Protein backbone atom coordinates (compact mmCIF):
# COMPACT_ATOMS: atom_id res chain seq x y z
CA MET A 1 4.58 17.16 -2.09
CA LEU A 2 4.78 19.72 0.66
CA THR A 3 8.11 21.10 -0.47
CA GLY A 4 7.62 20.88 -4.24
CA GLY A 5 4.40 22.81 -4.62
CA ARG A 6 4.00 21.68 -8.23
CA PRO A 7 2.82 18.42 -9.77
CA TYR A 8 5.92 18.16 -11.98
CA ASP A 9 9.46 18.37 -10.68
CA PRO A 10 12.33 19.76 -12.79
CA GLY A 11 13.75 16.29 -13.38
CA MET A 12 10.48 15.06 -14.84
CA ILE A 13 10.26 18.04 -17.18
CA ARG A 14 13.86 17.47 -18.30
CA ASP A 15 13.17 13.78 -18.93
CA PHE A 16 9.93 14.59 -20.75
CA HIS A 17 11.77 16.56 -23.41
CA THR A 18 13.95 13.56 -24.26
CA SER A 19 11.18 10.93 -23.94
CA GLY A 20 9.27 11.69 -27.10
CA ALA A 21 5.91 11.47 -25.30
CA SER A 22 3.04 13.47 -26.80
CA ASP A 23 2.32 15.60 -23.71
CA LEU A 24 3.58 16.09 -20.18
CA ALA A 25 0.49 14.72 -18.42
CA THR A 26 0.70 11.43 -20.31
CA TYR A 27 4.38 11.14 -19.50
CA ALA A 28 3.76 11.88 -15.79
CA VAL A 29 1.01 9.27 -15.51
CA GLY A 30 3.08 6.66 -17.33
CA ASP A 31 6.12 7.47 -15.21
CA ASN A 32 4.26 6.96 -11.93
CA LEU A 33 2.07 4.06 -13.02
CA GLY A 34 4.52 1.37 -11.92
CA ALA A 35 4.84 2.80 -8.42
CA ALA A 36 1.07 3.20 -8.11
CA MET A 37 0.43 -0.39 -9.18
CA GLY A 38 3.03 -1.61 -6.72
CA LEU A 39 1.32 0.26 -3.91
CA LEU A 40 -2.08 -1.07 -4.93
CA LEU A 41 -0.78 -4.62 -4.76
CA LEU A 42 1.51 -4.37 -1.75
CA THR A 43 -0.66 -2.32 0.62
CA PRO A 44 -3.53 -4.85 0.97
CA ALA A 45 -1.09 -7.75 1.20
CA LEU A 46 0.88 -6.01 3.94
CA ALA A 47 -2.31 -5.10 5.82
CA ALA A 48 -3.52 -8.71 5.67
CA LEU A 49 -0.13 -9.97 6.86
CA LEU A 50 -0.15 -7.56 9.81
CA GLY A 51 -3.70 -8.59 10.68
CA LEU A 52 -2.81 -12.27 10.64
CA LEU A 53 0.28 -11.61 12.72
CA GLY A 54 -1.77 -9.65 15.26
CA ALA A 55 -4.33 -12.44 15.48
CA ALA A 56 -1.61 -15.06 15.96
CA VAL A 57 0.10 -13.05 18.71
CA THR A 58 -3.23 -12.43 20.44
CA ALA A 59 -4.13 -16.12 20.30
CA ARG A 60 -0.74 -17.01 21.82
CA LEU A 61 -1.04 -14.47 24.65
CA LEU A 62 -4.63 -15.09 25.71
CA PRO A 63 -5.26 -18.03 28.02
CA ASP A 64 -7.46 -20.85 26.84
CA SER A 65 -11.08 -20.21 27.69
CA PRO A 66 -12.94 -22.76 29.78
CA PRO A 67 -15.39 -25.03 27.98
CA PRO A 68 -19.00 -23.84 27.86
CA PRO A 69 -21.33 -25.18 30.58
CA ASP A 70 -23.28 -28.33 29.81
CA PRO A 71 -26.87 -27.31 28.96
CA ARG A 72 -28.21 -30.61 30.39
CA GLY A 73 -27.31 -29.60 33.86
């Protein structure tokens, strides 16, 4: 995005002319929809996996805590 400066790259415009889509915006959204859906599904799953992995590593590294004191004395 930093180097392109435009929302549509030349390859997308070239492909749009042969696609038969009604307008360029519709073609661009449809073209990127698969990648966006993949990111929406994979990002939370990956974050949950990393969180579980961090919790498992932390539980392995921390020593067992002593039992709580008996309230009866």
